[in-house]
PDB file of all heavy atoms in Angstrom:
ATOM      1  N   ILE A   1      -7.638   5.352   8.125  1.00  0.00           N
ATOM      2  CA  ILE A   1      -6.850   6.408   7.464  1.00  0.00           C
ATOM      3  C   ILE A   1      -6.396   7.436   8.470  1.00  0.00           C
ATOM      4  O   ILE A   1      -5.211   7.850   8.487  1.00  0.00           O
ATOM      5  CB  ILE A   1      -7.679   7.074   6.350  1.00  0.00           C
ATOM      6  CG1 ILE A   1      -8.087   6.056   5.260  1.00  0.00           C
ATOM      7  CG2 ILE A   1      -6.905   8.234   5.735  1.00  0.00           C
ATOM      8  CD1 ILE A   1      -6.956   5.487   4.482  1.00  0.00           C
ATOM      9  N   GLU A   2      -7.277   7.872   9.347  1.00  0.00           N
ATOM     10  CA  GLU A   2      -6.932   8.879  10.348  1.00  0.00           C
ATOM     11  C   GLU A   2      -5.903   8.371  11.335  1.00  0.00           C
ATOM     12  O   GLU A   2      -4.953   9.072  11.719  1.00  0.00           O
ATOM     13  CB  GLU A   2      -8.200   9.348  11.088  1.00  0.00           C
ATOM     14  CG  GLU A   2      -9.186  10.113  10.226  1.00  0.00           C
ATOM     15  CD  GLU A   2      -8.578  11.358   9.573  1.00  0.00           C
ATOM     16  OE1 GLU A   2      -7.725  12.028  10.230  1.00  0.00           O
ATOM     17  OE2 GLU A   2      -8.955  11.652   8.432  1.00  0.00           O
ATOM     18  N   GLU A   3      -6.035   7.134  11.766  1.00  0.00           N
ATOM     19  CA  GLU A   3      -5.060   6.574  12.722  1.00  0.00           C
ATOM     20  C   GLU A   3      -3.690   6.404  12.045  1.00  0.00           C
ATOM     21  O   GLU A   3      -2.664   6.676  12.654  1.00  0.00           O
ATOM     22  CB  GLU A   3      -5.538   5.216  13.243  1.00  0.00           C
ATOM     23  CG  GLU A   3      -4.573   4.641  14.285  1.00  0.00           C
ATOM     24  CD  GLU A   3      -5.061   3.366  14.924  1.00  0.00           C
ATOM     25  OE1 GLU A   3      -6.262   3.016  14.734  1.00  0.00           O
ATOM     26  OE2 GLU A   3      -4.263   2.718  15.620  1.00  0.00           O
ATOM     27  N   ALA A   4      -3.685   5.957  10.796  1.00  0.00           N
ATOM     28  CA  ALA A   4      -2.437   5.824  10.051  1.00  0.00           C
ATOM     29  C   ALA A   4      -1.720   7.162   9.932  1.00  0.00           C
ATOM     30  O   ALA A   4      -0.498   7.253  10.139  1.00  0.00           O
ATOM     31  CB  ALA A   4      -2.688   5.211   8.681  1.00  0.00           C
ATOM     32  N   SER A   5      -2.491   8.205   9.648  1.00  0.00           N
ATOM     33  CA  SER A   5      -1.913   9.540   9.531  1.00  0.00           C
ATOM     34  C   SER A   5      -1.339  10.015  10.850  1.00  0.00           C
ATOM     35  O   SER A   5      -0.258  10.578  10.927  1.00  0.00           O
ATOM     36  CB  SER A   5      -2.956  10.518   9.009  1.00  0.00           C
ATOM     37  OG  SER A   5      -2.458  11.839   8.931  1.00  0.00           O
ATOM     38  N   ALA A   6      -2.119   9.758  11.925  1.00  0.00           N
ATOM     39  CA  ALA A   6      -1.659  10.201  13.275  1.00  0.00           C
ATOM     40  C   ALA A   6      -0.395   9.483  13.694  1.00  0.00           C
ATOM     41  O   ALA A   6       0.424  10.046  14.432  1.00  0.00           O
ATOM     42  CB  ALA A   6      -2.771   9.954  14.294  1.00  0.00           C
ATOM     43  N   ARG A   7      -0.197   8.252  13.230  1.00  0.00           N
ATOM     44  CA  ARG A   7       0.995   7.481  13.585  1.00  0.00           C
ATOM     45  C   ARG A   7       2.130   7.678  12.586  1.00  0.00           C
ATOM     46  O   ARG A   7       3.161   7.017  12.696  1.00  0.00           O
ATOM     47  CB  ARG A   7       0.622   5.999  13.673  1.00  0.00           C
ATOM     48  CG  ARG A   7      -0.286   5.658  14.835  1.00  0.00           C
ATOM     49  CD  ARG A   7      -0.657   4.182  14.845  1.00  0.00           C
ATOM     50  NE  ARG A   7      -1.528   3.820  15.962  1.00  0.00           N
ATOM     51  CZ  ARG A   7      -1.079   3.443  17.148  1.00  0.00           C
ATOM     52  NH1 ARG A   7       0.224   3.361  17.396  1.00  0.00           N
ATOM     53  NH2 ARG A   7      -1.930   3.140  18.117  1.00  0.00           N
ATOM     54  N   GLY A   8       1.941   8.533  11.600  1.00  0.00           N
ATOM     55  CA  GLY A   8       2.990   8.817  10.652  1.00  0.00           C
ATOM     56  C   GLY A   8       3.182   7.744   9.592  1.00  0.00           C
ATOM     57  O   GLY A   8       4.265   7.623   9.006  1.00  0.00           O
ATOM     58  N   CYS A   9       2.154   6.972   9.314  1.00  0.00           N
ATOM     59  CA  CYS A   9       2.212   5.927   8.307  1.00  0.00           C
ATOM     60  C   CYS A   9       1.636   6.442   6.972  1.00  0.00           C
ATOM     61  O   CYS A   9       0.538   6.970   6.960  1.00  0.00           O
ATOM     62  CB  CYS A   9       1.434   4.691   8.763  1.00  0.00           C
ATOM     63  SG  CYS A   9       1.981   3.970  10.337  1.00  0.00           S
ATOM     64  N   ASN A  10       2.360   6.222   5.928  1.00  0.00           N
ATOM     65  CA  ASN A  10       1.857   6.622   4.607  1.00  0.00           C
ATOM     66  C   ASN A  10       1.548   5.444   3.705  1.00  0.00           C
ATOM     67  O   ASN A  10       1.356   5.605   2.509  1.00  0.00           O
ATOM     68  CB  ASN A  10       2.819   7.596   3.919  1.00  0.00           C
ATOM     69  CG  ASN A  10       4.133   6.945   3.545  1.00  0.00           C
ATOM     70  OD1 ASN A  10       4.494   5.882   4.053  1.00  0.00           O
ATOM     71  ND2 ASN A  10       4.893   7.593   2.644  1.00  0.00           N
ATOM     72  N   LEU A  11       1.520   4.237   4.282  1.00  0.00           N
ATOM     73  CA  LEU A  11       1.125   3.036   3.556  1.00  0.00           C
ATOM     74  C   LEU A  11       0.166   2.223   4.434  1.00  0.00           C
ATOM     75  O   LEU A  11       0.475   1.877   5.572  1.00  0.00           O
ATOM     76  CB  LEU A  11       2.323   2.176   3.199  1.00  0.00           C
ATOM     77  CG  LEU A  11       2.011   0.809   2.567  1.00  0.00           C
ATOM     78  CD1 LEU A  11       1.256   0.965   1.258  1.00  0.00           C
ATOM     79  CD2 LEU A  11       3.296  -0.003   2.343  1.00  0.00           C
ATOM     80  N   VAL A  12      -1.021   1.965   3.888  1.00  0.00           N
ATOM     81  CA  VAL A  12      -2.005   1.091   4.545  1.00  0.00           C
ATOM     82  C   VAL A  12      -2.089  -0.206   3.731  1.00  0.00           C
ATOM     83  O   VAL A  12      -2.315  -0.170   2.520  1.00  0.00           O
ATOM     84  CB  VAL A  12      -3.387   1.737   4.627  1.00  0.00           C
ATOM     85  CG1 VAL A  12      -4.432   0.742   5.136  1.00  0.00           C
ATOM     86  CG2 VAL A  12      -3.356   2.957   5.529  1.00  0.00           C
ATOM     87  N   VAL A  13      -1.845  -1.322   4.409  1.00  0.00           N
ATOM     88  CA  VAL A  13      -1.961  -2.647   3.776  1.00  0.00           C
ATOM     89  C   VAL A  13      -3.207  -3.327   4.341  1.00  0.00           C
ATOM     90  O   VAL A  13      -3.231  -3.664   5.521  1.00  0.00           O
ATOM     91  CB  VAL A  13      -0.713  -3.508   4.004  1.00  0.00           C
ATOM     92  CG1 VAL A  13      -0.890  -4.884   3.379  1.00  0.00           C
ATOM     93  CG2 VAL A  13       0.527  -2.828   3.422  1.00  0.00           C
ATOM     94  N   SER A  14      -4.200  -3.489   3.514  1.00  0.00           N
ATOM     95  CA  SER A  14      -5.475  -4.093   3.939  1.00  0.00           C
ATOM     96  C   SER A  14      -5.645  -5.441   3.261  1.00  0.00           C
ATOM     97  O   SER A  14      -5.009  -5.749   2.263  1.00  0.00           O
ATOM     98  CB  SER A  14      -6.647  -3.195   3.586  1.00  0.00           C
ATOM     99  OG  SER A  14      -6.826  -3.131   2.168  1.00  0.00           O
ATOM    100  N   HIS A  15      -6.526  -6.251   3.856  1.00  0.00           N
ATOM    101  CA  HIS A  15      -6.858  -7.513   3.206  1.00  0.00           C
ATOM    102  C   HIS A  15      -7.883  -7.272   2.112  1.00  0.00           C
ATOM    103  O   HIS A  15      -7.681  -7.657   0.970  1.00  0.00           O
ATOM    104  CB  HIS A  15      -7.412  -8.512   4.226  1.00  0.00           C
ATOM    105  CG  HIS A  15      -7.640  -9.894   3.657  1.00  0.00           C
ATOM    106  ND1 HIS A  15      -6.609 -10.674   3.149  1.00  0.00           N
ATOM    107  CD2 HIS A  15      -8.781 -10.607   3.469  1.00  0.00           C
ATOM    108  CE1 HIS A  15      -7.107 -11.812   2.696  1.00  0.00           C
ATOM    109  NE2 HIS A  15      -8.425 -11.786   2.901  1.00  0.00           N
ATOM    110  N   HIS A  16      -8.991  -6.609   2.444  1.00  0.00           N
ATOM    111  CA  HIS A  16     -10.034  -6.359   1.474  1.00  0.00           C
ATOM    112  C   HIS A  16      -9.787  -5.044   0.717  1.00  0.00           C
ATOM    113  O   HIS A  16      -9.465  -4.053   1.320  1.00  0.00           O
ATOM    114  CB  HIS A  16     -11.400  -6.283   2.152  1.00  0.00           C
ATOM    115  CG  HIS A  16     -11.836  -7.559   2.805  1.00  0.00           C
ATOM    116  ND1 HIS A  16     -12.333  -7.629   4.084  1.00  0.00           N
ATOM    117  CD2 HIS A  16     -11.810  -8.855   2.359  1.00  0.00           C
ATOM    118  CE1 HIS A  16     -12.606  -8.880   4.391  1.00  0.00           C
ATOM    119  NE2 HIS A  16     -12.297  -9.634   3.368  1.00  0.00           N
ATOM    120  N   PRO A  17      -9.941  -5.054  -0.595  1.00  0.00           N
ATOM    121  CA  PRO A  17      -9.764  -3.843  -1.373  1.00  0.00           C
ATOM    122  C   PRO A  17     -10.838  -2.790  -1.092  1.00  0.00           C
ATOM    123  O   PRO A  17     -11.973  -3.139  -0.742  1.00  0.00           O
ATOM    124  CB  PRO A  17      -9.863  -4.313  -2.837  1.00  0.00           C
ATOM    125  CG  PRO A  17      -9.662  -5.792  -2.793  1.00  0.00           C
ATOM    126  CD  PRO A  17     -10.208  -6.239  -1.457  1.00  0.00           C
ATOM    127  N   MET A  18     -10.477  -1.513  -1.274  1.00  0.00           N
ATOM    128  CA  MET A  18     -11.489  -0.460  -1.209  1.00  0.00           C
ATOM    129  C   MET A  18     -12.322  -0.445  -2.477  1.00  0.00           C
ATOM    130  O   MET A  18     -13.510  -0.107  -2.434  1.00  0.00           O
ATOM    131  CB  MET A  18     -10.785   0.912  -1.095  1.00  0.00           C
ATOM    132  CG  MET A  18     -10.065   1.213   0.177  1.00  0.00           C
ATOM    133  SD  MET A  18      -9.551   2.949   0.275  1.00  0.00           S
ATOM    134  CE  MET A  18      -8.431   3.057  -1.171  1.00  0.00           C
ATOM    135  N   ILE A  19     -11.727  -0.818  -3.578  1.00  0.00           N
ATOM    136  CA  ILE A  19     -12.359  -0.693  -4.893  1.00  0.00           C
ATOM    137  C   ILE A  19     -12.495  -2.085  -5.507  1.00  0.00           C
ATOM    138  O   ILE A  19     -11.511  -2.793  -5.660  1.00  0.00           O
ATOM    139  CB  ILE A  19     -11.522   0.213  -5.819  1.00  0.00           C
ATOM    140  CG1 ILE A  19     -11.221   1.550  -5.149  1.00  0.00           C
ATOM    141  CG2 ILE A  19     -12.239   0.413  -7.137  1.00  0.00           C
ATOM    142  CD1 ILE A  19     -10.175   2.365  -5.877  1.00  0.00           C
ATOM    143  N   PHE A  20     -13.732  -2.469  -5.831  1.00  0.00           N
ATOM    144  CA  PHE A  20     -13.975  -3.728  -6.518  1.00  0.00           C
ATOM    145  C   PHE A  20     -14.374  -3.518  -7.965  1.00  0.00           C
ATOM    146  O   PHE A  20     -14.204  -4.391  -8.788  1.00  0.00           O
ATOM    147  CB  PHE A  20     -15.061  -4.521  -5.798  1.00  0.00           C
ATOM    148  CG  PHE A  20     -14.540  -5.359  -4.651  1.00  0.00           C
ATOM    149  CD1 PHE A  20     -14.726  -4.933  -3.352  1.00  0.00           C
ATOM    150  CD2 PHE A  20     -13.863  -6.541  -4.876  1.00  0.00           C
ATOM    151  CE1 PHE A  20     -14.250  -5.706  -2.295  1.00  0.00           C
ATOM    152  CE2 PHE A  20     -13.389  -7.300  -3.822  1.00  0.00           C
ATOM    153  CZ  PHE A  20     -13.585  -6.888  -2.524  1.00  0.00           C
ATOM    154  N   ARG A  21     -14.944  -2.385  -8.279  1.00  0.00           N
ATOM    155  CA  ARG A  21     -15.369  -2.109  -9.638  1.00  0.00           C
ATOM    156  C   ARG A  21     -15.080  -0.637  -9.984  1.00  0.00           C
ATOM    157  O   ARG A  21     -14.688   0.132  -9.095  1.00  0.00           O
ATOM    158  CB  ARG A  21     -16.852  -2.448  -9.821  1.00  0.00           C
ATOM    159  CG  ARG A  21     -17.752  -1.739  -8.841  1.00  0.00           C
ATOM    160  CD  ARG A  21     -19.200  -2.197  -9.001  1.00  0.00           C
ATOM    161  NE  ARG A  21     -19.327  -3.632  -8.694  1.00  0.00           N
ATOM    162  CZ  ARG A  21     -19.525  -4.093  -7.476  1.00  0.00           C
ATOM    163  NH1 ARG A  21     -19.628  -3.258  -6.434  1.00  0.00           N
ATOM    164  NH2 ARG A  21     -19.628  -5.397  -7.256  1.00  0.00           N
ATOM    165  N   GLY A  22     -15.259  -0.291 -11.262  1.00  0.00           N
ATOM    166  CA  GLY A  22     -14.922   1.025 -11.720  1.00  0.00           C
ATOM    167  C   GLY A  22     -15.653   2.151 -10.985  1.00  0.00           C
ATOM    168  O   GLY A  22     -16.822   2.028 -10.669  1.00  0.00           O
ATOM    169  N   ILE A  23     -14.933   3.233 -10.687  1.00  0.00           N
ATOM    170  CA  ILE A  23     -15.523   4.435 -10.066  1.00  0.00           C
ATOM    171  C   ILE A  23     -15.450   5.577 -11.061  1.00  0.00           C
ATOM    172  O   ILE A  23     -14.372   5.929 -11.533  1.00  0.00           O
ATOM    173  CB  ILE A  23     -14.782   4.801  -8.765  1.00  0.00           C
ATOM    174  CG1 ILE A  23     -14.954   3.674  -7.728  1.00  0.00           C
ATOM    175  CG2 ILE A  23     -15.302   6.103  -8.199  1.00  0.00           C
ATOM    176  CD1 ILE A  23     -14.212   3.926  -6.436  1.00  0.00           C
ATOM    177  N   LYS A  24     -16.605   6.161 -11.412  1.00  0.00           N
ATOM    178  CA  LYS A  24     -16.673   7.212 -12.428  1.00  0.00           C
ATOM    179  C   LYS A  24     -16.433   8.598 -11.851  1.00  0.00           C
ATOM    180  O   LYS A  24     -16.078   9.522 -12.555  1.00  0.00           O
ATOM    181  CB  LYS A  24     -18.008   7.145 -13.150  1.00  0.00           C
ATOM    182  CG  LYS A  24     -18.225   5.867 -13.958  1.00  0.00           C
ATOM    183  CD  LYS A  24     -19.538   5.922 -14.709  1.00  0.00           C
ATOM    184  CE  LYS A  24     -19.728   4.666 -15.569  1.00  0.00           C
ATOM    185  NZ  LYS A  24     -21.027   4.688 -16.328  1.00  0.00           N
ATOM    186  N   ARG A  25     -16.656   8.747 -10.543  1.00  0.00           N
ATOM    187  CA  ARG A  25     -16.468  10.066  -9.940  1.00  0.00           C
ATOM    188  C   ARG A  25     -16.157   9.886  -8.457  1.00  0.00           C
ATOM    189  O   ARG A  25     -16.478   8.858  -7.852  1.00  0.00           O
ATOM    190  CB  ARG A  25     -17.733  10.920 -10.125  1.00  0.00           C
ATOM    191  CG  ARG A  25     -18.993  10.302  -9.559  1.00  0.00           C
ATOM    192  CD  ARG A  25     -20.221  11.134  -9.881  1.00  0.00           C
ATOM    193  NE  ARG A  25     -20.451  11.186 -11.322  1.00  0.00           N
ATOM    194  CZ  ARG A  25     -21.137  10.252 -12.003  1.00  0.00           C
ATOM    195  NH1 ARG A  25     -21.610   9.165 -11.393  1.00  0.00           N
ATOM    196  NH2 ARG A  25     -21.319  10.382 -13.289  1.00  0.00           N
ATOM    197  N   LEU A  26     -15.509  10.913  -7.888  1.00  0.00           N
ATOM    198  CA  LEU A  26     -15.173  10.932  -6.468  1.00  0.00           C
ATOM    199  C   LEU A  26     -15.875  12.082  -5.802  1.00  0.00           C
ATOM    200  O   LEU A  26     -15.368  13.200  -5.714  1.00  0.00           O
ATOM    201  CB  LEU A  26     -13.663  11.041  -6.264  1.00  0.00           C
ATOM    202  CG  LEU A  26     -12.813   9.830  -6.676  1.00  0.00           C
ATOM    203  CD1 LEU A  26     -11.337  10.158  -6.571  1.00  0.00           C
ATOM    204  CD2 LEU A  26     -13.159   8.631  -5.776  1.00  0.00           C
ATOM    205  N   THR A  27     -17.107  11.825  -5.334  1.00  0.00           N
ATOM    206  CA  THR A  27     -17.915  12.868  -4.714  1.00  0.00           C
ATOM    207  C   THR A  27     -18.132  12.625  -3.230  1.00  0.00           C
ATOM    208  O   THR A  27     -18.804  13.420  -2.570  1.00  0.00           O
ATOM    209  CB  THR A  27     -19.277  12.934  -5.412  1.00  0.00           C
ATOM    210  OG1 THR A  27     -19.978  11.683  -5.247  1.00  0.00           O
ATOM    211  CG2 THR A  27     -19.102  13.246  -6.894  1.00  0.00           C
ATOM    212  N   GLY A  28     -17.604  11.517  -2.719  1.00  0.00           N
ATOM    213  CA  GLY A  28     -17.842  11.173  -1.322  1.00  0.00           C
ATOM    214  C   GLY A  28     -19.188  10.562  -1.048  1.00  0.00           C
ATOM    215  O   GLY A  28     -19.637  10.491   0.097  1.00  0.00           O
ATOM    216  N   ALA A  29     -19.864  10.096  -2.107  1.00  0.00           N
ATOM    217  CA  ALA A  29     -21.204   9.534  -1.958  1.00  0.00           C
ATOM    218  C   ALA A  29     -21.189   8.172  -1.294  1.00  0.00           C
ATOM    219  O   ALA A  29     -22.185   7.758  -0.708  1.00  0.00           O
ATOM    220  CB  ALA A  29     -21.893   9.467  -3.322  1.00  0.00           C
ATOM    221  N   THR A  30     -20.070   7.430  -1.406  1.00  0.00           N
ATOM    222  CA  THR A  30     -19.978   6.110  -0.829  1.00  0.00           C
ATOM    223  C   THR A  30     -18.806   6.072   0.153  1.00  0.00           C
ATOM    224  O   THR A  30     -17.928   6.948   0.148  1.00  0.00           O
ATOM    225  CB  THR A  30     -19.755   5.036  -1.881  1.00  0.00           C
ATOM    226  OG1 THR A  30     -18.487   5.222  -2.507  1.00  0.00           O
ATOM    227  CG2 THR A  30     -20.865   5.102  -2.953  1.00  0.00           C
ATOM    228  N   VAL A  31     -18.785   5.045   0.998  1.00  0.00           N
ATOM    229  CA  VAL A  31     -17.698   4.902   1.952  1.00  0.00           C
ATOM    230  C   VAL A  31     -16.375   4.733   1.218  1.00  0.00           C
ATOM    231  O   VAL A  31     -15.348   5.337   1.619  1.00  0.00           O
ATOM    232  CB  VAL A  31     -17.951   3.662   2.858  1.00  0.00           C
ATOM    233  CG1 VAL A  31     -16.734   3.413   3.731  1.00  0.00           C
ATOM    234  CG2 VAL A  31     -19.190   3.885   3.707  1.00  0.00           C
ATOM    235  N   ALA A  32     -16.358   3.946   0.151  1.00  0.00           N
ATOM    236  CA  ALA A  32     -15.128   3.734  -0.648  1.00  0.00           C
ATOM    237  C   ALA A  32     -14.600   5.044  -1.180  1.00  0.00           C
ATOM    238  O   ALA A  32     -13.396   5.351  -1.117  1.00  0.00           O
ATOM    239  CB  ALA A  32     -15.383   2.743  -1.762  1.00  0.00           C
ATOM    240  N   GLU A  33     -15.516   5.897  -1.732  1.00  0.00           N
ATOM    241  CA  GLU A  33     -15.108   7.187  -2.280  1.00  0.00           C
ATOM    242  C   GLU A  33     -14.503   8.071  -1.184  1.00  0.00           C
ATOM    243  O   GLU A  33     -13.485   8.737  -1.387  1.00  0.00           O
ATOM    244  CB  GLU A  33     -16.283   7.874  -2.946  1.00  0.00           C
ATOM    245  CG  GLU A  33     -16.749   7.202  -4.237  1.00  0.00           C
ATOM    246  CD  GLU A  33     -17.963   7.893  -4.833  1.00  0.00           C
ATOM    247  OE1 GLU A  33     -18.167   9.104  -4.508  1.00  0.00           O
ATOM    248  OE2 GLU A  33     -18.721   7.267  -5.598  1.00  0.00           O
ATOM    249  N   ARG A  34     -15.133   8.091  -0.006  1.00  0.00           N
ATOM    250  CA  ARG A  34     -14.646   8.938   1.078  1.00  0.00           C
ATOM    251  C   ARG A  34     -13.274   8.458   1.566  1.00  0.00           C
ATOM    252  O   ARG A  34     -12.405   9.260   1.890  1.00  0.00           O
ATOM    253  CB  ARG A  34     -15.660   8.937   2.223  1.00  0.00           C
ATOM    254  CG  ARG A  34     -16.941   9.660   1.881  1.00  0.00           C
ATOM    255  CD  ARG A  34     -17.791   9.943   3.106  1.00  0.00           C
ATOM    256  NE  ARG A  34     -18.402   8.750   3.667  1.00  0.00           N
ATOM    257  CZ  ARG A  34     -19.544   8.221   3.265  1.00  0.00           C
ATOM    258  NH1 ARG A  34     -20.263   8.810   2.299  1.00  0.00           N
ATOM    259  NH2 ARG A  34     -20.033   7.143   3.838  1.00  0.00           N
ATOM    260  N   CYS A  35     -13.072   7.134   1.593  1.00  0.00           N
ATOM    261  CA  CYS A  35     -11.771   6.602   2.000  1.00  0.00           C
ATOM    262  C   CYS A  35     -10.679   6.945   0.983  1.00  0.00           C
ATOM    263  O   CYS A  35      -9.537   7.264   1.360  1.00  0.00           O
ATOM    264  CB  CYS A  35     -11.875   5.080   2.189  1.00  0.00           C
ATOM    265  SG  CYS A  35     -12.803   4.576   3.656  1.00  0.00           S
ATOM    266  N   ILE A  36     -11.006   6.864  -0.290  1.00  0.00           N
ATOM    267  CA  ILE A  36     -10.023   7.192  -1.325  1.00  0.00           C
ATOM    268  C   ILE A  36      -9.624   8.662  -1.242  1.00  0.00           C
ATOM    269  O   ILE A  36      -8.436   9.007  -1.266  1.00  0.00           O
ATOM    270  CB  ILE A  36     -10.614   6.890  -2.734  1.00  0.00           C
ATOM    271  CG1 ILE A  36     -10.845   5.382  -2.892  1.00  0.00           C
ATOM    272  CG2 ILE A  36      -9.671   7.389  -3.826  1.00  0.00           C
ATOM    273  CD1 ILE A  36     -11.641   5.019  -4.137  1.00  0.00           C
ATOM    274  N   VAL A  37     -10.627   9.529  -1.079  1.00  0.00           N
ATOM    275  CA  VAL A  37     -10.344  10.964  -0.976  1.00  0.00           C
ATOM    276  C   VAL A  37      -9.461  11.237   0.248  1.00  0.00           C
ATOM    277  O   VAL A  37      -8.514  12.003   0.205  1.00  0.00           O
ATOM    278  CB  VAL A  37     -11.649  11.758  -0.925  1.00  0.00           C
ATOM    279  CG1 VAL A  37     -11.360  13.246  -0.586  1.00  0.00           C
ATOM    280  CG2 VAL A  37     -12.407  11.672  -2.247  1.00  0.00           C
ATOM    281  N   ALA A  38      -9.796  10.602   1.374  1.00  0.00           N
ATOM    282  CA  ALA A  38      -9.016  10.792   2.597  1.00  0.00           C
ATOM    283  C   ALA A  38      -7.582  10.333   2.446  1.00  0.00           C
ATOM    284  O   ALA A  38      -6.635  10.998   2.892  1.00  0.00           O
ATOM    285  CB  ALA A  38      -9.693  10.076   3.755  1.00  0.00           C
ATOM    286  N   ALA A  39      -7.409   9.158   1.798  1.00  0.00           N
ATOM    287  CA  ALA A  39      -6.056   8.619   1.588  1.00  0.00           C
ATOM    288  C   ALA A  39      -5.231   9.543   0.712  1.00  0.00           C
ATOM    289  O   ALA A  39      -4.072   9.840   1.025  1.00  0.00           O
ATOM    290  CB  ALA A  39      -6.170   7.216   0.986  1.00  0.00           C
TER     291      ALA A  39
END
């Protein structure tokens, strides 16, 4: 996320999803949550 921002990219295309199942809150408790918040 940080490298994409530094290079001026606003779209990240990944192979593996950040989210596989439902997320009830975004508190930064997991890596996926922190990545979502950063994006």
